Protein backbone atom coordinates (compact mmCIF):
# COMPACT_ATOMS: atom_id res chain seq x y z
CA UNK A 1 4.62 -38.75 -34.11
CA UNK A 2 4.10 -38.82 -30.38
CA UNK A 3 3.59 -41.61 -27.88
CA UNK A 4 1.65 -41.26 -24.62
CA UNK A 5 2.43 -43.31 -21.51
CA UNK A 6 2.36 -43.16 -17.73
CA UNK A 7 4.97 -40.74 -16.44
CA UNK A 8 7.97 -42.01 -14.51
CA UNK A 9 9.88 -40.22 -11.76
CA UNK A 10 12.78 -39.80 -14.19
CA UNK A 11 10.55 -37.62 -16.38
CA UNK A 12 9.59 -35.16 -13.61
CA UNK A 13 12.34 -32.68 -14.42
CA UNK A 14 11.50 -32.60 -18.14
CA UNK A 15 7.79 -32.24 -17.30
CA UNK A 16 8.60 -29.36 -14.97
CA UNK A 17 10.72 -27.56 -17.59
CA UNK A 18 7.95 -27.96 -20.15
CA UNK A 19 5.35 -26.66 -17.69
CA UNK A 20 7.43 -23.53 -17.01
CA UNK A 21 7.80 -22.84 -20.76
CA UNK A 22 4.15 -23.55 -21.49
CA UNK A 23 2.77 -21.29 -18.74
CA UNK A 24 5.22 -18.44 -19.36
CA UNK A 25 2.76 -16.66 -21.67
CA UNK A 26 -0.07 -16.98 -19.15
CA UNK A 27 2.14 -15.46 -16.46
CA UNK A 28 3.10 -12.63 -18.80
CA UNK A 29 -0.55 -11.89 -19.62
CA UNK A 30 -1.47 -11.98 -15.94
CA UNK A 31 1.40 -9.66 -15.10
CA UNK A 32 2.74 -12.07 -12.50
CA UNK A 33 4.69 -15.29 -12.18
CA UNK A 34 2.69 -15.98 -9.03
CA UNK A 35 0.38 -18.54 -10.66
CA UNK A 36 0.41 -22.16 -9.48
CA UNK A 37 1.98 -23.77 -12.59
CA UNK A 38 4.91 -21.34 -12.44
CA UNK A 39 5.40 -21.79 -8.70
CA UNK A 40 5.29 -25.58 -8.56
CA UNK A 41 8.57 -27.32 -7.78
CA UNK A 42 10.02 -30.46 -9.38
CA UNK A 43 9.64 -32.36 -6.07
CA UNK A 44 5.89 -31.70 -6.09
CA UNK A 45 5.63 -33.01 -9.63
CA UNK A 46 7.68 -36.11 -8.75
CA UNK A 47 5.41 -36.80 -5.76
CA UNK A 48 2.36 -36.47 -7.98
CA UNK A 49 3.79 -39.03 -10.41
CA UNK A 50 4.19 -41.49 -7.52
CA UNK A 51 0.75 -41.01 -5.98
CA UNK A 52 -1.68 -39.92 -8.70
CA UNK A 53 -2.23 -40.10 -12.47
CA UNK A 54 0.39 -38.49 -14.70
CA UNK A 55 0.83 -39.10 -18.42
CA UNK A 56 3.51 -37.80 -20.76
CA UNK A 57 3.63 -37.41 -24.51
CA UNK A 58 7.00 -37.83 -26.17
CA UNK A 59 8.40 -37.29 -29.61
CA UNK A 60 11.44 -39.50 -29.63
CA UNK A 61 13.13 -38.89 -26.28
CA UNK A 62 11.65 -35.40 -25.80
CA UNK A 63 8.69 -34.70 -23.51
CA UNK A 64 6.33 -32.50 -25.55
CA UNK A 65 3.21 -32.75 -23.40
CA UNK A 66 1.83 -34.00 -20.12
CA UNK A 67 -1.36 -34.17 -18.13
CA UNK A 68 -1.94 -34.83 -14.45
CA UNK A 69 -5.05 -35.68 -12.47
CA UNK A 70 -5.82 -35.87 -8.76
CA UNK A 71 -8.41 -38.49 -7.85
CA UNK A 72 -10.43 -38.28 -4.64
CA UNK A 73 -14.00 -39.28 -3.77
CA UNK A 74 -14.70 -40.52 -7.33
CA UNK A 75 -13.79 -37.12 -8.80
CA UNK A 76 -10.69 -36.46 -10.89
CA UNK A 77 -9.41 -32.90 -10.86
CA UNK A 78 -7.14 -32.15 -13.78
CA UNK A 79 -4.11 -30.50 -12.26
CA UNK A 80 -2.37 -29.55 -15.48
CA UNK A 81 -2.60 -30.12 -19.20
CA UNK A 82 0.66 -28.97 -20.77
CA UNK A 83 1.69 -28.92 -24.43
CA UNK A 84 4.91 -27.53 -25.86
CA UNK A 85 3.94 -24.10 -27.23
CA UNK A 86 5.72 -24.83 -30.52
CA UNK A 87 3.22 -27.59 -31.35
CA UNK A 88 -0.07 -26.06 -30.17
CA UNK A 89 -3.00 -26.75 -32.44
CA UNK A 90 -1.82 -30.16 -33.67
CA UNK A 91 -4.13 -32.30 -31.52
CA UNK A 92 -1.72 -33.28 -28.75
CA UNK A 93 -3.77 -31.60 -26.00
CA UNK A 94 -6.85 -33.47 -27.20
CA UNK A 95 -4.93 -36.75 -27.28
CA UNK A 96 -3.61 -36.24 -23.75
CA UNK A 97 -7.05 -35.32 -22.42
CA UNK A 98 -8.61 -38.40 -24.02
CA UNK A 99 -5.81 -40.64 -22.72
CA UNK A 100 -6.35 -39.36 -19.18
CA UNK A 101 -10.11 -39.83 -19.39
CA UNK A 102 -9.59 -43.44 -20.53
CA UNK A 103 -7.45 -44.08 -17.43
CA UNK A 104 -10.27 -42.96 -15.14
CA UNK A 105 -12.19 -46.16 -14.56
CA UNK A 106 -13.37 -45.36 -11.02
CA UNK A 107 -14.53 -41.75 -11.22
CA UNK A 108 -17.92 -40.18 -11.79
CA UNK A 109 -16.80 -36.69 -12.77
CA UNK A 110 -13.79 -34.78 -14.07
CA UNK A 111 -13.23 -31.19 -12.91
CA UNK A 112 -10.71 -28.54 -13.88
CA UNK A 113 -9.96 -24.86 -13.51
CA UNK A 114 -8.56 -22.75 -16.32
CA UNK A 115 -7.53 -19.13 -16.67
CA UNK A 116 -9.77 -17.23 -19.08
CA UNK A 117 -6.93 -14.85 -19.94
CA UNK A 118 -5.84 -17.63 -22.30
CA UNK A 119 -8.83 -17.17 -24.58
CA UNK A 120 -8.58 -20.58 -26.29
CA UNK A 121 -8.74 -22.61 -23.06
CA UNK A 122 -12.48 -22.57 -22.32
CA UNK A 123 -13.52 -23.33 -25.94
CA UNK A 124 -10.95 -26.17 -26.07
CA UNK A 125 -12.45 -27.88 -23.04
CA UNK A 126 -16.02 -27.19 -24.21
CA UNK A 127 -15.23 -29.05 -27.45
CA UNK A 128 -14.38 -32.03 -25.24
CA UNK A 129 -17.67 -31.95 -23.34
CA UNK A 130 -16.69 -29.82 -20.33
CA UNK A 131 -19.06 -27.09 -19.18
CA UNK A 132 -18.38 -23.98 -17.13
CA UNK A 133 -19.86 -24.37 -13.66
CA UNK A 134 -18.80 -20.95 -12.38
CA UNK A 135 -16.35 -18.12 -12.87
CA UNK A 136 -14.31 -16.69 -10.01
CA UNK A 137 -11.93 -13.75 -9.77
CA UNK A 138 -9.33 -14.61 -7.09
CA UNK A 139 -7.44 -11.38 -7.73
CA UNK A 140 -8.24 -8.40 -9.96
CA UNK A 141 -7.46 -9.16 -13.59
CA UNK A 142 -7.54 -12.95 -13.27
CA UNK A 143 -10.79 -14.78 -13.97
CA UNK A 144 -10.88 -18.53 -13.58
CA UNK A 145 -13.40 -20.83 -15.26
CA UNK A 146 -14.31 -23.85 -13.14
CA UNK A 147 -15.39 -26.61 -15.52
CA UNK A 148 -16.80 -30.10 -15.15
CA UNK A 149 -17.77 -33.16 -17.17
CA UNK A 150 -19.35 -36.48 -16.30
CA UNK A 151 -16.81 -39.26 -16.65
CA UNK A 152 -16.87 -41.34 -19.79
CA UNK A 153 -17.61 -45.01 -19.17
CA UNK A 154 -16.07 -47.64 -21.40
CA UNK A 155 -18.68 -49.60 -23.31
């Protein structure tokens, strides 16, 4: 069973290690490690925890998932949704996404960008109400889906 809570600075290193493991397959499929999640440094993650929204999921003392959002001008941009590859498909990504959305009391919209080379990404977000706004190809062989959803308001 996992618990989800606001990330602390002490968890930045574990979040970073998980992010590197989780995005390893995407880098392999892209043929490059030059993708943002694999290039990000621990210090950047720690700064994000201090200034923006970051949640972690833990099983016992182990970080098994995390999600981060950047909020500006009433829009939250999901920076990363990361789940330990060994537990994909068990609902943790959905739980983290829902937990982040519940934290967003002062936003109108949630945006994200995902790499279509990971064929389950776009359908996952579509199941949660996100819609593709546009596709871009920043470099040959990599197509990004830019997705968006109106923020959920608590009743």
